[in-house]
Amino acid sequence: MAAAAASRGLGVKLALREIRIHLCQRSPGSQGVRDFIEKRYVELKKANPDLPILIRECSDVHPKLWARYAYTVQKKYL
């Protein structure tokens, strides 16, 4: 199906629709995620103003990142 669409000149693009980040406010395991958000969030949001970036802080959770793409494809990272 994707090959057929591409051959007709339509192309298929998995556009990123949303990023969700879960992290703990205090745990050492989430420190890298907290650092990333503190240092890169503004830059990332300025470069992608229409992209929802959802950040959820919860006690005692392991850091996780979900990326939702067009056509309801969702992938979990971390």
PDB file of N, CA and C in Angstrom:
ATOM      1  N   MET A   1       0.828  -1.190   0.000  1.00  0.00           N
ATOM      2  CA  MET A   1       0.000   0.000   0.000  1.00  0.00           C
ATOM      3  C   MET A   1       0.876   1.259   0.000  1.00  0.00           C
ATOM      4  N   ALA A   2       1.892   1.301   0.865  1.00  0.00           N
ATOM      5  CA  ALA A   2       2.775   2.464   0.905  1.00  0.00           C
ATOM      6  C   ALA A   2       3.519   2.625  -0.410  1.00  0.00           C
ATOM      7  N   ALA A   3       3.954   1.503  -0.988  1.00  0.00           N
ATOM      8  CA  ALA A   3       4.661   1.560  -2.267  1.00  0.00           C
ATOM      9  C   ALA A   3       3.746   2.081  -3.359  1.00  0.00           C
ATOM     10  N   ALA A   4       2.491   1.670  -3.328  1.00  0.00           N
ATOM     11  CA  ALA A   4       1.531   2.139  -4.329  1.00  0.00           C
ATOM     12  C   ALA A   4       1.301   3.636  -4.193  1.00  0.00           C
ATOM     13  N   ALA A   5       1.171   4.119  -2.961  1.00  0.00           N
ATOM     14  CA  ALA A   5       0.971   5.552  -2.742  1.00  0.00           C
ATOM     15  C   ALA A   5       2.187   6.342  -3.193  1.00  0.00           C
ATOM     16  N   ALA A   6       3.370   5.837  -2.886  1.00  0.00           N
ATOM     17  CA  ALA A   6       4.597   6.528  -3.286  1.00  0.00           C
ATOM     18  C   ALA A   6       4.737   6.558  -4.796  1.00  0.00           C
ATOM     19  N   SER A   7       4.350   5.475  -5.452  1.00  0.00           N
ATOM     20  CA  SER A   7       4.483   5.432  -6.907  1.00  0.00           C
ATOM     21  C   SER A   7       3.516   6.392  -7.583  1.00  0.00           C
ATOM     22  N   ARG A   8       2.424   6.724  -6.917  1.00  0.00           N
ATOM     23  CA  ARG A   8       1.474   7.702  -7.466  1.00  0.00           C
ATOM     24  C   ARG A   8       1.890   9.132  -7.124  1.00  0.00           C
ATOM     25  N   GLY A   9       3.009   9.281  -6.417  1.00  0.00           N
ATOM     26  CA  GLY A   9       3.484  10.617  -6.079  1.00  0.00           C
ATOM     27  C   GLY A   9       2.891  11.163  -4.798  1.00  0.00           C
ATOM     28  N   LEU A  10       2.127  10.352  -4.078  1.00  0.00           N
ATOM     29  CA  LEU A  10       1.514  10.832  -2.848  1.00  0.00           C
ATOM     30  C   LEU A  10       2.494  10.797  -1.681  1.00  0.00           C
ATOM     31  N   GLY A  11       3.363   9.807  -1.662  1.00  0.00           N
ATOM     32  CA  GLY A  11       4.322   9.661  -0.572  1.00  0.00           C
ATOM     33  C   GLY A  11       3.643   9.270   0.722  1.00  0.00           C
ATOM     34  N   VAL A  12       4.371   8.649   1.582  1.00  0.00           N
ATOM     35  CA  VAL A  12       3.865   8.275   2.894  1.00  0.00           C
ATOM     36  C   VAL A  12       4.839   8.833   3.912  1.00  0.00           C
ATOM     37  N   LYS A  13       4.320   9.563   4.858  1.00  0.00           N
ATOM     38  CA  LYS A  13       5.161  10.212   5.853  1.00  0.00           C
ATOM     39  C   LYS A  13       4.585   9.929   7.234  1.00  0.00           C
ATOM     40  N   LEU A  14       5.393   9.363   8.110  1.00  0.00           N
ATOM     41  CA  LEU A  14       4.960   9.147   9.485  1.00  0.00           C
ATOM     42  C   LEU A  14       5.299  10.392  10.291  1.00  0.00           C
ATOM     43  N   ALA A  15       4.389  11.329  10.315  1.00  0.00           N
ATOM     44  CA  ALA A  15       4.628  12.591  11.009  1.00  0.00           C
ATOM     45  C   ALA A  15       4.419  12.408  12.507  1.00  0.00           C
ATOM     46  N   LEU A  16       5.310  12.966  13.290  1.00  0.00           N
ATOM     47  CA  LEU A  16       5.201  12.928  14.736  1.00  0.00           C
ATOM     48  C   LEU A  16       4.043  13.816  15.161  1.00  0.00           C
ATOM     49  N   ARG A  17       3.130  13.274  15.954  1.00  0.00           N
ATOM     50  CA  ARG A  17       1.938  14.010  16.384  1.00  0.00           C
ATOM     51  C   ARG A  17       1.988  14.457  17.842  1.00  0.00           C
ATOM     52  N   GLU A  18       2.745  13.722  18.686  1.00  0.00           N
ATOM     53  CA  GLU A  18       2.754  14.039  20.111  1.00  0.00           C
ATOM     54  C   GLU A  18       3.926  13.344  20.789  1.00  0.00           C
ATOM     55  N   ILE A  19       4.476  13.992  21.806  1.00  0.00           N
ATOM     56  CA  ILE A  19       5.494  13.391  22.662  1.00  0.00           C
ATOM     57  C   ILE A  19       4.964  13.443  24.088  1.00  0.00           C
ATOM     58  N   ARG A  20       5.020  12.303  24.784  1.00  0.00           N
ATOM     59  CA  ARG A  20       4.630  12.240  26.193  1.00  0.00           C
ATOM     60  C   ARG A  20       5.817  11.738  27.002  1.00  0.00           C
ATOM     61  N   ILE A  21       6.115  12.438  28.090  1.00  0.00           N
ATOM     62  CA  ILE A  21       7.239  12.079  28.949  1.00  0.00           C
ATOM     63  C   ILE A  21       6.720  11.892  30.372  1.00  0.00           C
ATOM     64  N   HIS A  22       7.037  10.749  30.976  1.00  0.00           N
ATOM     65  CA  HIS A  22       6.728  10.497  32.383  1.00  0.00           C
ATOM     66  C   HIS A  22       8.048  10.439  33.137  1.00  0.00           C
ATOM     67  N   LEU A  23       8.115  11.094  34.287  1.00  0.00           N
ATOM     68  CA  LEU A  23       9.333  11.088  35.085  1.00  0.00           C
ATOM     69  C   LEU A  23       9.006  11.334  36.542  1.00  0.00           C
ATOM     70  N   CYS A  24       9.960  11.016  37.402  1.00  0.00           N
ATOM     71  CA  CYS A  24       9.838  11.278  38.836  1.00  0.00           C
ATOM     72  C   CYS A  24      10.552  12.596  39.144  1.00  0.00           C
ATOM     73  N   GLN A  25       9.972  13.375  40.048  1.00  0.00           N
ATOM     74  CA  GLN A  25      10.552  14.672  40.396  1.00  0.00           C
ATOM     75  C   GLN A  25      11.867  14.544  41.162  1.00  0.00           C
ATOM     76  N   ARG A  26      12.070  13.415  41.869  1.00  0.00           N
ATOM     77  CA  ARG A  26      13.220  13.312  42.765  1.00  0.00           C
ATOM     78  C   ARG A  26      14.153  12.135  42.511  1.00  0.00           C
ATOM     79  N   SER A  27      13.722  11.104  41.842  1.00  0.00           N
ATOM     80  CA  SER A  27      14.546   9.888  41.753  1.00  0.00           C
ATOM     81  C   SER A  27      15.783  10.104  40.879  1.00  0.00           C
ATOM     82  N   PRO A  28      16.900   9.475  41.255  1.00  0.00           N
ATOM     83  CA  PRO A  28      18.120   9.572  40.451  1.00  0.00           C
ATOM     84  C   PRO A  28      17.931   9.010  39.041  1.00  0.00           C
ATOM     85  N   GLY A  29      17.040   8.038  38.889  1.00  0.00           N
ATOM     86  CA  GLY A  29      16.805   7.438  37.574  1.00  0.00           C
ATOM     87  C   GLY A  29      16.184   8.396  36.572  1.00  0.00           C
ATOM     88  N   SER A  30      15.539   9.444  37.051  1.00  0.00           N
ATOM     89  CA  SER A  30      14.920  10.434  36.164  1.00  0.00           C
ATOM     90  C   SER A  30      15.777  11.680  35.973  1.00  0.00           C
ATOM     91  N   GLN A  31      16.966  11.712  36.577  1.00  0.00           N
ATOM     92  CA  GLN A  31      17.805  12.912  36.521  1.00  0.00           C
ATOM     93  C   GLN A  31      18.135  13.326  35.091  1.00  0.00           C
ATOM     94  N   GLY A  32      18.479  12.380  34.243  1.00  0.00           N
ATOM     95  CA  GLY A  32      18.801  12.709  32.852  1.00  0.00           C
ATOM     96  C   GLY A  32      17.623  13.313  32.111  1.00  0.00           C
ATOM     97  N   VAL A  33      16.428  12.815  32.385  1.00  0.00           N
ATOM     98  CA  VAL A  33      15.221  13.355  31.746  1.00  0.00           C
ATOM     99  C   VAL A  33      14.957  14.766  32.259  1.00  0.00           C
ATOM    100  N   ARG A  34      15.106  14.963  33.568  1.00  0.00           N
ATOM    101  CA  ARG A  34      14.921  16.313  34.124  1.00  0.00           C
ATOM    102  C   ARG A  34      15.927  17.290  33.525  1.00  0.00           C
ATOM    103  N   ASP A  35      17.184  16.860  33.388  1.00  0.00           N
ATOM    104  CA  ASP A  35      18.214  17.711  32.778  1.00  0.00           C
ATOM    105  C   ASP A  35      17.860  18.043  31.330  1.00  0.00           C
ATOM    106  N   PHE A  36      17.404  17.033  30.578  1.00  0.00           N
ATOM    107  CA  PHE A  36      17.026  17.253  29.183  1.00  0.00           C
ATOM    108  C   PHE A  36      15.905  18.284  29.084  1.00  0.00           C
ATOM    109  N   ILE A  37      14.885  18.134  29.915  1.00  0.00           N
ATOM    110  CA  ILE A  37      13.755  19.067  29.882  1.00  0.00           C
ATOM    111  C   ILE A  37      14.221  20.476  30.236  1.00  0.00           C
ATOM    112  N   GLU A  38      15.042  20.575  31.278  1.00  0.00           N
ATOM    113  CA  GLU A  38      15.524  21.889  31.714  1.00  0.00           C
ATOM    114  C   GLU A  38      16.363  22.581  30.641  1.00  0.00           C
ATOM    115  N   LYS A  39      17.193  21.815  29.933  1.00  0.00           N
ATOM    116  CA  LYS A  39      18.119  22.407  28.968  1.00  0.00           C
ATOM    117  C   LYS A  39      17.567  22.506  27.551  1.00  0.00           C
ATOM    118  N   ARG A  40      16.664  21.605  27.163  1.00  0.00           N
ATOM    119  CA  ARG A  40      16.268  21.512  25.755  1.00  0.00           C
ATOM    120  C   ARG A  40      14.793  21.766  25.456  1.00  0.00           C
ATOM    121  N   TYR A  41      13.939  21.824  26.479  1.00  0.00           N
ATOM    122  CA  TYR A  41      12.500  21.953  26.217  1.00  0.00           C
ATOM    123  C   TYR A  41      12.180  23.209  25.409  1.00  0.00           C
ATOM    124  N   VAL A  42      12.690  24.346  25.829  1.00  0.00           N
ATOM    125  CA  VAL A  42      12.369  25.609  25.151  1.00  0.00           C
ATOM    126  C   VAL A  42      12.813  25.564  23.691  1.00  0.00           C
ATOM    127  N   GLU A  43      14.015  25.088  23.455  1.00  0.00           N
ATOM    128  CA  GLU A  43      14.535  24.970  22.092  1.00  0.00           C
ATOM    129  C   GLU A  43      13.671  24.022  21.248  1.00  0.00           C
ATOM    130  N   LEU A  44      13.303  22.885  21.818  1.00  0.00           N
ATOM    131  CA  LEU A  44      12.470  21.907  21.119  1.00  0.00           C
ATOM    132  C   LEU A  44      11.095  22.484  20.805  1.00  0.00           C
ATOM    133  N   LYS A  45      10.500  23.184  21.763  1.00  0.00           N
ATOM    134  CA  LYS A  45       9.166  23.761  21.565  1.00  0.00           C
ATOM    135  C   LYS A  45       9.202  24.902  20.540  1.00  0.00           C
ATOM    136  N   LYS A  46      10.249  25.714  20.556  1.00  0.00           N
ATOM    137  CA  LYS A  46      10.370  26.790  19.561  1.00  0.00           C
ATOM    138  C   LYS A  46      10.508  26.229  18.154  1.00  0.00           C
ATOM    139  N   ALA A  47      11.232  25.127  18.021  1.00  0.00           N
ATOM    140  CA  ALA A  47      11.424  24.507  16.708  1.00  0.00           C
ATOM    141  C   ALA A  47      10.177  23.768  16.233  1.00  0.00           C
ATOM    142  N   ASN A  48       9.291  23.393  17.167  1.00  0.00           N
ATOM    143  CA  ASN A  48       8.087  22.617  16.842  1.00  0.00           C
ATOM    144  C   ASN A  48       6.894  23.169  17.611  1.00  0.00           C
ATOM    145  N   PRO A  49       6.457  24.396  17.326  1.00  0.00           N
ATOM    146  CA  PRO A  49       5.418  25.027  18.146  1.00  0.00           C
ATOM    147  C   PRO A  49       4.068  24.310  18.118  1.00  0.00           C
ATOM    148  N   ASP A  50       3.771  23.579  17.062  1.00  0.00           N
ATOM    149  CA  ASP A  50       2.479  22.898  16.973  1.00  0.00           C
ATOM    150  C   ASP A  50       2.506  21.478  17.525  1.00  0.00           C
ATOM    151  N   LEU A  51       3.669  21.008  17.952  1.00  0.00           N
ATOM    152  CA  LEU A  51       3.800  19.649  18.472  1.00  0.00           C
ATOM    153  C   LEU A  51       3.492  19.631  19.966  1.00  0.00           C
ATOM    154  N   PRO A  52       2.459  18.883  20.384  1.00  0.00           N
ATOM    155  CA  PRO A  52       2.201  18.763  21.819  1.00  0.00           C
ATOM    156  C   PRO A  52       3.319  17.973  22.499  1.00  0.00           C
ATOM    157  N   ILE A  53       3.879  18.549  23.552  1.00  0.00           N
ATOM    158  CA  ILE A  53       4.885  17.874  24.366  1.00  0.00           C
ATOM    159  C   ILE A  53       4.314  17.827  25.778  1.00  0.00           C
ATOM    160  N   LEU A  54       3.884  16.647  26.192  1.00  0.00           N
ATOM    161  CA  LEU A  54       3.222  16.474  27.479  1.00  0.00           C
ATOM    162  C   LEU A  54       4.217  15.907  28.485  1.00  0.00           C
ATOM    163  N   ILE A  55       4.366  16.580  29.604  1.00  0.00           N
ATOM    164  CA  ILE A  55       5.304  16.159  30.640  1.00  0.00           C
ATOM    165  C   ILE A  55       4.506  15.860  31.899  1.00  0.00           C
ATOM    166  N   ARG A  56       4.651  14.632  32.412  1.00  0.00           N
ATOM    167  CA  ARG A  56       3.936  14.204  33.608  1.00  0.00           C
ATOM    168  C   ARG A  56       4.947  13.811  34.679  1.00  0.00           C
ATOM    169  N   GLU A  57       4.896  14.515  35.791  1.00  0.00           N
ATOM    170  CA  GLU A  57       5.751  14.176  36.923  1.00  0.00           C
ATOM    171  C   GLU A  57       4.928  13.358  37.912  1.00  0.00           C
ATOM    172  N   CYS A  58       5.420  12.174  38.250  1.00  0.00           N
ATOM    173  CA  CYS A  58       4.743  11.264  39.175  1.00  0.00           C
ATOM    174  C   CYS A  58       5.787  10.699  40.129  1.00  0.00           C
ATOM    175  N   SER A  59       5.413  10.516  41.371  1.00  0.00           N
ATOM    176  CA  SER A  59       6.350   9.970  42.352  1.00  0.00           C
ATOM    177  C   SER A  59       6.674   8.516  42.051  1.00  0.00           C
ATOM    178  N   ASP A  60       7.942   8.182  42.172  1.00  0.00           N
ATOM    179  CA  ASP A  60       8.429   6.803  42.075  1.00  0.00           C
ATOM    180  C   ASP A  60       8.093   6.101  40.764  1.00  0.00           C
ATOM    181  N   VAL A  61       8.154   6.804  39.653  1.00  0.00           N
ATOM    182  CA  VAL A  61       7.963   6.148  38.349  1.00  0.00           C
ATOM    183  C   VAL A  61       9.305   6.115  37.624  1.00  0.00           C
ATOM    184  N   HIS A  62       9.471   5.122  36.786  1.00  0.00           N
ATOM    185  CA  HIS A  62      10.647   5.056  35.924  1.00  0.00           C
ATOM    186  C   HIS A  62      10.404   5.981  34.736  1.00  0.00           C
ATOM    187  N   PRO A  63      11.409   6.687  34.260  1.00  0.00           N
ATOM    188  CA  PRO A  63      11.203   7.597  33.133  1.00  0.00           C
ATOM    189  C   PRO A  63      10.813   6.827  31.874  1.00  0.00           C
ATOM    190  N   LYS A  64       9.849   7.393  31.153  1.00  0.00           N
ATOM    191  CA  LYS A  64       9.381   6.798  29.901  1.00  0.00           C
ATOM    192  C   LYS A  64       9.060   7.918  28.921  1.00  0.00           C
ATOM    193  N   LEU A  65       9.210   7.617  27.654  1.00  0.00           N
ATOM    194  CA  LEU A  65       8.852   8.556  26.601  1.00  0.00           C
ATOM    195  C   LEU A  65       8.030   7.804  25.573  1.00  0.00           C
ATOM    196  N   TRP A  66       6.885   8.374  25.206  1.00  0.00           N
ATOM    197  CA  TRP A  66       6.052   7.818  24.149  1.00  0.00           C
ATOM    198  C   TRP A  66       6.020   8.814  23.007  1.00  0.00           C
ATOM    199  N   ALA A  67       6.098   8.306  21.800  1.00  0.00           N
ATOM    200  CA  ALA A  67       5.970   9.135  20.600  1.00  0.00           C
ATOM    201  C   ALA A  67       4.766   8.625  19.824  1.00  0.00           C
ATOM    202  N   ARG A  68       3.823   9.504  19.540  1.00  0.00           N
ATOM    203  CA  ARG A  68       2.641   9.126  18.764  1.00  0.00           C
ATOM    204  C   ARG A  68       2.789   9.722  17.373  1.00  0.00           C
ATOM    205  N   TYR A  69       2.607   8.881  16.383  1.00  0.00           N
ATOM    206  CA  TYR A  69       2.752   9.278  14.986  1.00  0.00           C
ATOM    207  C   TYR A  69       1.392   9.288  14.305  1.00  0.00           C
ATOM    208  N   ALA A  70       1.348   9.803  13.088  1.00  0.00           N
ATOM    209  CA  ALA A  70       0.130   9.766  12.289  1.00  0.00           C
ATOM    210  C   ALA A  70      -0.316   8.319  12.134  1.00  0.00           C
ATOM    211  N   TYR A  71      -1.558   8.132  11.868  1.00  0.00           N
ATOM    212  CA  TYR A  71      -2.144   6.799  11.678  1.00  0.00           C
ATOM    213  C   TYR A  71      -2.090   5.986  12.966  1.00  0.00           C
ATOM    214  N   THR A  72      -2.132   6.650  14.111  1.00  0.00           N
ATOM    215  CA  THR A  72      -2.193   6.064  15.450  1.00  0.00           C
ATOM    216  C   THR A  72      -1.040   5.128  15.794  1.00  0.00           C
ATOM    217  N   VAL A  73       0.070   5.246  15.118  1.00  0.00           N
ATOM    218  CA  VAL A  73       1.251   4.466  15.490  1.00  0.00           C
ATOM    219  C   VAL A  73       1.832   5.096  16.749  1.00  0.00           C
ATOM    220  N   GLN A  74       2.048   4.284  17.782  1.00  0.00           N
ATOM    221  CA  GLN A  74       2.607   4.792  19.031  1.00  0.00           C
ATOM    222  C   GLN A  74       3.775   3.912  19.435  1.00  0.00           C
ATOM    223  N   LYS A  75       4.872   4.540  19.822  1.00  0.00           N
ATOM    224  CA  LYS A  75       6.061   3.791  20.235  1.00  0.00           C
ATOM    225  C   LYS A  75       6.509   4.274  21.601  1.00  0.00           C
ATOM    226  N   LYS A  76       6.953   3.317  22.409  1.00  0.00           N
ATOM    227  CA  LYS A  76       7.434   3.633  23.751  1.00  0.00           C
ATOM    228  C   LYS A  76       8.951   3.546  23.749  1.00  0.00           C
ATOM    229  N   TYR A  77       9.598   4.534  24.361  1.00  0.00           N
ATOM    230  CA  TYR A  77      11.051   4.578  24.448  1.00  0.00           C
ATOM    231  C   TYR A  77      11.452   4.677  25.912  1.00  0.00           C
ATOM    232  N   LEU A  78      12.665   4.323  26.223  1.00  0.00           N
ATOM    233  CA  LEU A  78      13.283   4.367  27.562  1.00  0.00           C
ATOM    234  C   LEU A  78      12.975   3.148  28.347  1.00  0.00           C
TER     235      LEU A  78
END
